[in-house]
Each structure stands twice: as structure tokens, then as C-alpha cells.
Amino acid sequence: MEIVFSVTQESDGGFIAECLSHDIFTQGDNWEQLRANVREAVAAYFFDQPPPARIRLHLVRDEVLVSS
């Protein structure tokens, strides 16, 4: 089983991750902290059942371009 997190970067540089298939949310000040927090949140969510074999972090970048 694989679960997927949609990750967005905040204006302050931090990251927010939201699982697309389960009610799991977490954040981190940087990418390494986010990865650790996602692993911890997934372990806590699946504490009484087998954890997913893979966790995918999908970074979503939203950029607005203004014509000059």
C-alpha cells in the first residue's frame, strides 16, 4: 500500500502536508523536518494496523504570473 501527501510550501518557507486518502496532516519548518514529521504522523495513525509500504510526498507549487 502507498499513501500520498500533497505538500505545499508556505510563504514563510515552511511546508504543510495533507494525506489524500486518510485524515493525516502535519507540517515542518524545512523539508527534512517535514519528512520526519510525516513518518511520525503516519506511524501514529497506523499504530494498531500495518503501516503503508511507501509514503509519497507530492510537492504542489502554485505560481501566479502577472503580465507586464
N, C-alpha and C. Protein backbone atom coordinates (compact mmCIF):
# COMPACT_ATOMS: atom_id res chain seq x y z
N MET A 1 0.85 -1.19 0.00
CA MET A 1 0.00 0.00 0.00
C MET A 1 0.89 1.25 0.00
N GLU A 2 0.47 2.25 -0.73
CA GLU A 2 1.16 3.53 -0.77
C GLU A 2 0.16 4.62 -0.41
N ILE A 3 0.59 5.57 0.41
CA ILE A 3 -0.25 6.73 0.67
C ILE A 3 0.47 7.96 0.13
N VAL A 4 -0.32 8.94 -0.29
CA VAL A 4 0.22 10.13 -0.94
C VAL A 4 -0.15 11.36 -0.12
N PHE A 5 0.84 12.23 0.08
CA PHE A 5 0.64 13.51 0.74
C PHE A 5 0.80 14.62 -0.29
N SER A 6 -0.12 15.55 -0.28
CA SER A 6 0.00 16.76 -1.06
C SER A 6 0.74 17.77 -0.18
N VAL A 7 1.86 18.26 -0.67
CA VAL A 7 2.70 19.17 0.12
C VAL A 7 2.71 20.55 -0.53
N THR A 8 2.47 21.57 0.28
CA THR A 8 2.56 22.95 -0.20
C THR A 8 3.56 23.70 0.65
N GLN A 9 4.22 24.67 0.03
CA GLN A 9 5.18 25.50 0.76
C GLN A 9 4.52 26.81 1.13
N GLU A 10 4.66 27.17 2.38
CA GLU A 10 4.09 28.41 2.89
C GLU A 10 4.99 29.59 2.53
N SER A 11 4.46 30.79 2.63
CA SER A 11 5.24 31.99 2.29
C SER A 11 6.43 32.18 3.22
N ASP A 12 6.37 31.63 4.43
CA ASP A 12 7.50 31.75 5.37
C ASP A 12 8.57 30.70 5.13
N GLY A 13 8.35 29.82 4.14
CA GLY A 13 9.34 28.80 3.81
C GLY A 13 9.03 27.43 4.36
N GLY A 14 8.11 27.33 5.31
CA GLY A 14 7.73 26.04 5.88
C GLY A 14 6.86 25.24 4.92
N PHE A 15 6.59 24.00 5.28
CA PHE A 15 5.81 23.10 4.44
C PHE A 15 4.63 22.53 5.21
N ILE A 16 3.53 22.28 4.50
CA ILE A 16 2.35 21.64 5.05
C ILE A 16 2.05 20.41 4.21
N ALA A 17 1.79 19.27 4.86
CA ALA A 17 1.49 18.03 4.16
C ALA A 17 0.12 17.52 4.57
N GLU A 18 -0.69 17.14 3.58
CA GLU A 18 -2.02 16.61 3.81
C GLU A 18 -2.16 15.30 3.04
N CYS A 19 -2.48 14.23 3.77
CA CYS A 19 -2.67 12.93 3.13
C CYS A 19 -3.96 12.96 2.32
N LEU A 20 -3.92 12.41 1.11
CA LEU A 20 -5.07 12.44 0.22
C LEU A 20 -6.09 11.34 0.53
N SER A 21 -5.69 10.31 1.26
CA SER A 21 -6.59 9.18 1.49
C SER A 21 -6.96 8.94 2.95
N HIS A 22 -6.26 9.60 3.86
CA HIS A 22 -6.52 9.44 5.30
C HIS A 22 -6.47 10.81 5.96
N ASP A 23 -7.02 10.90 7.16
CA ASP A 23 -7.02 12.17 7.89
C ASP A 23 -5.70 12.37 8.62
N ILE A 24 -4.66 12.61 7.86
CA ILE A 24 -3.32 12.84 8.42
C ILE A 24 -2.81 14.17 7.88
N PHE A 25 -2.45 15.04 8.79
CA PHE A 25 -1.91 16.36 8.45
C PHE A 25 -0.68 16.61 9.30
N THR A 26 0.30 17.28 8.75
CA THR A 26 1.47 17.67 9.53
C THR A 26 2.18 18.82 8.82
N GLN A 27 3.21 19.34 9.46
CA GLN A 27 3.96 20.45 8.88
C GLN A 27 5.41 20.37 9.33
N GLY A 28 6.25 21.18 8.70
CA GLY A 28 7.66 21.25 9.08
C GLY A 28 8.25 22.57 8.63
N ASP A 29 9.25 23.03 9.35
CA ASP A 29 9.91 24.29 9.02
C ASP A 29 10.79 24.16 7.78
N ASN A 30 11.26 22.93 7.50
CA ASN A 30 12.07 22.67 6.32
C ASN A 30 11.74 21.28 5.81
N TRP A 31 12.30 20.89 4.66
CA TRP A 31 11.94 19.62 4.02
C TRP A 31 12.32 18.42 4.89
N GLU A 32 13.48 18.46 5.51
CA GLU A 32 13.92 17.33 6.35
C GLU A 32 12.99 17.17 7.56
N GLN A 33 12.61 18.27 8.17
CA GLN A 33 11.71 18.21 9.31
C GLN A 33 10.33 17.71 8.87
N LEU A 34 9.88 18.14 7.71
CA LEU A 34 8.60 17.67 7.19
C LEU A 34 8.63 16.16 6.99
N ARG A 35 9.69 15.65 6.39
CA ARG A 35 9.80 14.21 6.17
C ARG A 35 9.73 13.44 7.49
N ALA A 36 10.44 13.91 8.48
CA ALA A 36 10.42 13.25 9.79
C ALA A 36 9.02 13.33 10.41
N ASN A 37 8.37 14.47 10.30
CA ASN A 37 7.04 14.64 10.88
C ASN A 37 6.00 13.79 10.16
N VAL A 38 6.14 13.64 8.84
CA VAL A 38 5.23 12.77 8.09
C VAL A 38 5.39 11.33 8.56
N ARG A 39 6.61 10.87 8.69
CA ARG A 39 6.85 9.50 9.16
C ARG A 39 6.24 9.29 10.55
N GLU A 40 6.42 10.25 11.42
CA GLU A 40 5.88 10.16 12.78
C GLU A 40 4.35 10.16 12.77
N ALA A 41 3.75 11.03 11.97
CA ALA A 41 2.29 11.11 11.90
C ALA A 41 1.70 9.83 11.31
N VAL A 42 2.34 9.26 10.31
CA VAL A 42 1.86 8.02 9.71
C VAL A 42 1.97 6.88 10.71
N ALA A 43 3.08 6.80 11.42
CA ALA A 43 3.25 5.75 12.43
C ALA A 43 2.18 5.86 13.52
N ALA A 44 1.87 7.07 13.93
CA ALA A 44 0.85 7.27 14.95
C ALA A 44 -0.53 6.89 14.43
N TYR A 45 -0.83 7.24 13.20
CA TYR A 45 -2.14 6.95 12.61
C TYR A 45 -2.35 5.45 12.46
N PHE A 46 -1.31 4.74 12.05
CA PHE A 46 -1.40 3.30 11.82
C PHE A 46 -0.85 2.48 13.00
N PHE A 47 -0.93 3.03 14.22
CA PHE A 47 -0.31 2.37 15.37
C PHE A 47 -0.87 0.97 15.63
N ASP A 48 -2.13 0.71 15.26
CA ASP A 48 -2.75 -0.58 15.56
C ASP A 48 -3.04 -1.42 14.31
N GLN A 49 -2.39 -1.05 13.21
CA GLN A 49 -2.57 -1.79 11.96
C GLN A 49 -1.29 -1.69 11.14
N PRO A 50 -1.15 -2.52 10.12
CA PRO A 50 0.08 -2.46 9.32
C PRO A 50 0.23 -1.11 8.63
N PRO A 51 1.41 -0.52 8.71
CA PRO A 51 1.64 0.78 8.06
C PRO A 51 1.78 0.60 6.55
N PRO A 52 1.61 1.68 5.80
CA PRO A 52 1.81 1.59 4.35
C PRO A 52 3.27 1.26 4.03
N ALA A 53 3.46 0.58 2.92
CA ALA A 53 4.81 0.22 2.50
C ALA A 53 5.58 1.43 2.00
N ARG A 54 4.85 2.38 1.40
CA ARG A 54 5.51 3.58 0.86
C ARG A 54 4.68 4.81 1.18
N ILE A 55 5.40 5.92 1.34
CA ILE A 55 4.78 7.23 1.54
C ILE A 55 5.31 8.14 0.44
N ARG A 56 4.41 8.72 -0.32
CA ARG A 56 4.82 9.62 -1.41
C ARG A 56 4.51 11.06 -1.00
N LEU A 57 5.50 11.93 -1.12
CA LEU A 57 5.31 13.36 -0.88
C LEU A 57 5.26 14.06 -2.23
N HIS A 58 4.11 14.63 -2.54
CA HIS A 58 3.91 15.30 -3.83
C HIS A 58 3.89 16.80 -3.59
N LEU A 59 4.98 17.48 -3.97
CA LEU A 59 5.11 18.92 -3.77
C LEU A 59 4.30 19.65 -4.83
N VAL A 60 3.35 20.45 -4.37
CA VAL A 60 2.49 21.23 -5.27
C VAL A 60 2.96 22.67 -5.23
N ARG A 61 3.27 23.20 -6.39
CA ARG A 61 3.72 24.59 -6.46
C ARG A 61 2.71 25.42 -7.21
N ASP A 62 2.23 26.44 -6.57
CA ASP A 62 1.24 27.34 -7.18
C ASP A 62 1.93 28.67 -7.43
N GLU A 63 2.02 29.05 -8.69
CA GLU A 63 2.72 30.29 -9.05
C GLU A 63 1.81 31.14 -9.93
N VAL A 64 1.73 32.40 -9.62
CA VAL A 64 0.92 33.33 -10.40
C VAL A 64 1.86 34.28 -11.12
N LEU A 65 1.69 34.33 -12.42
CA LEU A 65 2.49 35.24 -13.24
C LEU A 65 1.61 36.41 -13.67
N VAL A 66 2.15 37.59 -13.56
CA VAL A 66 1.41 38.79 -13.95
C VAL A 66 2.09 39.37 -15.19
N SER A 67 1.30 39.61 -16.21
CA SER A 67 1.89 40.18 -17.41
C SER A 67 2.23 41.65 -17.18
N SER A 68 3.30 42.10 -17.80
CA SER A 68 3.74 43.48 -17.57
C SER A 68 3.16 44.44 -18.58
